[in-house]
Amino acid sequence: SAVVNNKNSQQGLVLLDQLLGRGIADVSAGQNHYAALSYDGELYMWGNNEHGELGLPTSQPSIPLPQALLTQPHILPFAGIRIAAVTCGKHHTLCLTAGGVVFSWGKNTHGELGVTDHEPRHNPERVHMPPGTSQIKLIAAGPHTSAAYSSSHDLFMWGENDMYQLGLGHNRSVTSPQPVVSFTPQPTSTSSPPTTTPTPTTSPSTSAAAVAVTASTSTI
């Protein structure tokens, strides 16, 4: 990603000297802000900060070079906490701690931060999942939407929903994580119609193969 220290754009690849030797494991980009995550769980961000998308006060409109959020005194929630994942929306950012806690910051016009209102956040704020939610394992962000996936295979989404992009069955934007019901495991019937198929007289190996095929078919 190109990093500039003025308003002039640069073409081609630009080496980020500030991140050399940091062991970068993942990167993400919004419209004009960027994030890099190291294998040690350190989060670096740079770019536009007009909406607080860098997790910094808006008195600092932009940061041309990567800065480690963990070293900034105004984001104490990350002090000593290992970050496991980061993702950028158009003007907002989400991160996931190694303990499965989600934080968000930046623009919040559509409720994309998941903090129950529409006010922007200039510092990372915890996103509270519904009671009983198992540990969050994955996060993702669209332009104005956010998503989280739990260890029990539950999908939660929030933010802009005018085009039904949250999969909630309506087109109202939501400001807190909501379960996508269609992904919730449904109870299966334990009863089945009686079978009239005679007992096969094939060899044990053939019968085992038939059982394997039946089991595979029944779980599709």
Protein backbone atom coordinates (compact mmCIF):
# COMPACT_ATOMS: atom_id res chain seq x y z
CA SER A 1 0.00 0.00 0.00
CA ALA A 2 1.22 3.46 -0.81
CA VAL A 3 1.89 5.70 2.16
CA VAL A 4 2.28 9.40 1.55
CA ASN A 5 3.32 12.29 3.76
CA ASN A 6 1.55 14.95 1.75
CA LYS A 7 -1.60 15.38 -0.36
CA ASN A 8 0.09 14.13 -3.53
CA SER A 9 -0.63 10.53 -4.46
CA GLN A 10 2.10 8.06 -5.34
CA GLN A 11 1.88 5.47 -8.07
CA GLY A 12 3.25 1.96 -7.78
CA LEU A 13 4.35 0.04 -4.72
CA VAL A 14 5.86 1.91 -1.79
CA LEU A 15 7.89 0.05 0.84
CA LEU A 16 6.73 0.78 4.39
CA ASP A 17 10.08 1.13 6.12
CA GLN A 18 8.34 1.77 9.44
CA LEU A 19 6.98 -1.79 9.46
CA LEU A 20 10.17 -3.60 8.46
CA GLY A 21 11.05 -6.20 11.06
CA ARG A 22 7.64 -5.97 12.70
CA GLY A 23 6.48 -9.36 11.44
CA ILE A 24 3.27 -8.20 9.78
CA ALA A 25 0.66 -10.98 9.64
CA ASP A 26 -2.32 -9.20 8.10
CA VAL A 27 -3.40 -5.90 6.55
CA SER A 28 -6.72 -4.20 5.84
CA ALA A 29 -7.75 -1.02 4.04
CA GLY A 30 -10.73 1.30 4.19
CA GLN A 31 -11.40 4.09 1.73
CA ASN A 32 -8.54 6.25 3.01
CA HIS A 33 -7.25 4.51 6.13
CA TYR A 34 -5.11 1.44 6.62
CA ALA A 35 -4.28 -1.12 9.28
CA ALA A 36 -1.51 -3.67 9.76
CA LEU A 37 -1.39 -6.38 12.40
CA SER A 38 1.81 -8.05 13.55
CA TYR A 39 2.27 -11.66 14.63
CA ASP A 40 2.86 -10.29 18.13
CA GLY A 41 -0.63 -8.81 18.20
CA GLU A 42 0.40 -5.18 17.69
CA LEU A 43 -1.95 -3.00 15.64
CA TYR A 44 -0.63 -0.23 13.38
CA MET A 45 -2.82 2.32 11.61
CA TRP A 46 -2.31 5.29 9.32
CA GLY A 47 -4.10 7.42 6.77
CA ASN A 48 -7.17 9.64 7.03
CA ASN A 49 -8.63 10.28 10.48
CA GLU A 50 -11.45 12.66 9.63
CA HIS A 51 -14.04 10.40 11.27
CA GLY A 52 -11.82 8.93 13.98
CA GLU A 53 -11.19 5.78 11.93
CA LEU A 54 -7.60 5.58 13.24
CA GLY A 55 -8.72 5.53 16.85
CA LEU A 56 -7.15 8.94 17.39
CA PRO A 57 -8.66 12.35 18.27
CA THR A 58 -9.93 14.18 15.18
CA SER A 59 -7.59 17.03 16.08
CA GLN A 60 -5.10 14.83 14.22
CA PRO A 61 -6.80 14.71 10.78
CA SER A 62 -4.29 12.32 9.26
CA ILE A 63 -1.16 10.35 10.01
CA PRO A 64 1.07 9.81 6.98
CA LEU A 65 3.10 6.97 8.47
CA PRO A 66 2.11 3.86 10.46
CA GLN A 67 1.65 4.37 14.17
CA ALA A 68 1.29 1.60 16.74
CA LEU A 69 -2.05 2.01 18.44
CA LEU A 70 -0.84 0.00 21.40
CA THR A 71 1.66 2.72 22.28
CA GLN A 72 -0.87 5.56 22.23
CA PRO A 73 -1.95 6.54 25.75
CA HIS A 74 -5.51 7.41 24.65
CA ILE A 75 -6.40 3.80 23.80
CA LEU A 76 -5.92 2.23 27.17
CA PRO A 77 -8.36 -0.64 26.38
CA PHE A 78 -5.58 -2.21 24.31
CA ALA A 79 -2.85 -1.88 26.93
CA GLY A 80 -1.32 -5.35 27.25
CA ILE A 81 -4.06 -6.91 25.12
CA ARG A 82 -3.10 -9.02 22.12
CA ILE A 83 -5.01 -8.21 18.94
CA ALA A 84 -5.92 -11.23 16.81
CA ALA A 85 -7.65 -9.62 13.81
CA VAL A 86 -8.42 -6.24 12.25
CA THR A 87 -10.74 -5.19 9.44
CA CYS A 88 -11.55 -1.80 7.93
CA GLY A 89 -14.87 -0.56 6.59
CA LYS A 90 -15.16 2.55 4.47
CA HIS A 91 -14.70 4.91 7.42
CA HIS A 92 -14.70 2.60 10.44
CA THR A 93 -12.49 -0.08 11.95
CA LEU A 94 -13.06 -3.28 13.90
CA CYS A 95 -10.55 -5.37 15.79
CA LEU A 96 -10.77 -8.67 17.63
CA THR A 97 -8.70 -9.48 20.69
CA ALA A 98 -7.15 -12.89 21.31
CA GLY A 99 -9.79 -13.34 24.02
CA GLY A 100 -12.64 -12.91 21.54
CA VAL A 101 -13.64 -9.32 22.39
CA VAL A 102 -14.63 -6.98 19.54
CA PHE A 103 -13.77 -3.26 19.51
CA SER A 104 -14.88 -0.64 16.98
CA TRP A 105 -14.19 3.00 16.18
CA GLY A 106 -14.69 5.60 13.45
CA LYS A 107 -17.75 6.82 11.57
CA ASN A 108 -21.09 5.51 12.79
CA THR A 109 -23.81 7.06 10.63
CA HIS A 110 -25.55 3.73 10.05
CA GLY A 111 -24.77 2.07 13.38
CA GLU A 112 -21.82 0.19 11.88
CA LEU A 113 -19.88 0.40 15.16
CA GLY A 114 -22.45 -1.71 17.00
CA VAL A 115 -22.45 0.53 20.09
CA THR A 116 -26.26 1.15 20.16
CA ASP A 117 -26.19 4.69 18.74
CA HIS A 118 -25.09 6.67 15.69
CA GLU A 119 -22.35 8.76 17.26
CA PRO A 120 -18.80 8.38 15.90
CA ARG A 121 -16.07 7.06 18.16
CA HIS A 122 -12.53 8.44 18.16
CA ASN A 123 -11.30 5.78 20.57
CA PRO A 124 -11.86 2.02 20.41
CA GLU A 125 -15.04 0.98 22.18
CA ARG A 126 -16.13 -2.53 23.05
CA VAL A 127 -18.95 -4.07 21.01
CA HIS A 128 -21.23 -6.05 23.31
CA MET A 129 -22.60 -9.23 21.80
CA PRO A 130 -26.02 -10.63 22.82
CA PRO A 131 -26.04 -12.51 26.15
CA GLY A 132 -24.95 -16.11 25.85
CA THR A 133 -22.85 -15.57 22.74
CA SER A 134 -19.87 -17.89 22.56
CA GLN A 135 -16.38 -16.58 21.80
CA ILE A 136 -16.09 -14.53 18.64
CA LYS A 137 -13.59 -16.02 16.20
CA LEU A 138 -13.92 -13.93 13.02
CA ILE A 139 -14.84 -10.36 12.11
CA ALA A 140 -15.52 -8.58 8.83
CA ALA A 141 -16.57 -5.13 7.66
CA GLY A 142 -18.33 -3.80 4.58
CA PRO A 143 -18.50 -0.12 3.65
CA HIS A 144 -21.10 0.60 6.36
CA THR A 145 -21.71 -2.85 7.84
CA SER A 146 -20.00 -5.13 10.32
CA ALA A 147 -20.11 -8.85 11.05
CA ALA A 148 -18.88 -11.29 13.69
CA TYR A 149 -18.81 -15.10 13.70
CA SER A 150 -18.73 -17.15 16.89
CA SER A 151 -17.19 -20.47 17.86
CA SER A 152 -20.70 -21.97 18.01
CA HIS A 153 -21.24 -21.01 14.34
CA ASP A 154 -23.54 -18.06 15.01
CA LEU A 155 -23.36 -15.10 12.64
CA PHE A 156 -24.07 -11.56 13.85
CA MET A 157 -24.41 -8.45 11.70
CA TRP A 158 -25.14 -4.76 12.23
CA GLY A 159 -25.03 -1.40 10.45
CA GLU A 160 -26.57 -0.21 7.19
CA ASN A 161 -29.42 -2.37 5.93
CA ASP A 162 -31.34 -0.39 3.30
CA MET A 163 -30.66 -3.09 0.71
CA TYR A 164 -31.26 -6.02 3.12
CA GLN A 165 -27.49 -6.56 3.27
CA LEU A 166 -27.63 -7.76 6.89
CA GLY A 167 -29.87 -10.73 6.14
CA LEU A 168 -32.23 -9.93 9.02
CA GLY A 169 -35.49 -10.19 7.07
CA HIS A 170 -36.08 -6.41 7.06
CA ASN A 171 -34.34 -3.33 5.68
CA ARG A 172 -33.90 -1.29 8.85
CA SER A 173 -30.38 -0.40 9.94
CA VAL A 174 -29.42 -1.71 13.38
CA THR A 175 -26.96 -0.31 15.90
CA SER A 176 -26.06 -3.47 17.78
CA PRO A 177 -25.10 -7.04 16.78
CA GLN A 178 -28.11 -9.04 15.61
CA PRO A 179 -28.16 -12.80 14.92
CA VAL A 180 -28.71 -13.86 11.34
CA VAL A 181 -31.47 -16.36 12.09
CA SER A 182 -31.17 -18.37 8.89
CA PHE A 183 -27.71 -19.46 10.02
CA THR A 184 -28.93 -20.71 13.39
CA PRO A 185 -28.93 -24.55 13.46
CA GLN A 186 -32.50 -25.85 13.19
CA PRO A 187 -33.72 -28.93 15.10
CA THR A 188 -33.85 -32.05 12.97
CA SER A 189 -36.56 -34.64 13.09
CA THR A 190 -35.62 -37.92 14.75
CA SER A 191 -38.43 -39.87 13.13
CA SER A 192 -38.23 -41.38 9.66
CA PRO A 193 -40.65 -43.41 7.56
CA PRO A 194 -40.24 -47.17 7.81
CA THR A 195 -38.06 -48.72 5.17
CA THR A 196 -39.04 -51.74 3.14
CA THR A 197 -35.59 -52.31 1.69
CA PRO A 198 -34.55 -55.94 2.32
CA THR A 199 -31.39 -56.63 4.26
CA PRO A 200 -28.50 -56.67 1.80
CA THR A 201 -26.52 -59.83 1.36
CA THR A 202 -23.37 -58.08 0.17
CA SER A 203 -19.97 -58.53 1.69
CA PRO A 204 -19.00 -56.57 4.83
CA SER A 205 -16.76 -54.26 2.84
CA THR A 206 -19.56 -53.46 0.37
CA SER A 207 -22.02 -52.84 3.21
CA ALA A 208 -19.57 -50.47 4.91
CA ALA A 209 -19.18 -48.56 1.68
CA ALA A 210 -22.96 -48.30 1.32
CA VAL A 211 -23.30 -46.96 4.87
CA ALA A 212 -20.61 -44.38 4.22
CA VAL A 213 -22.37 -43.14 1.11
CA THR A 214 -25.71 -42.98 2.96
CA ALA A 215 -24.21 -41.04 5.84
CA SER A 216 -22.51 -38.61 3.53
CA THR A 217 -25.73 -38.06 1.58
CA SER A 218 -27.81 -37.53 4.70
CA THR A 219 -25.58 -34.76 5.99
CA ILE A 220 -25.53 -32.69 2.81
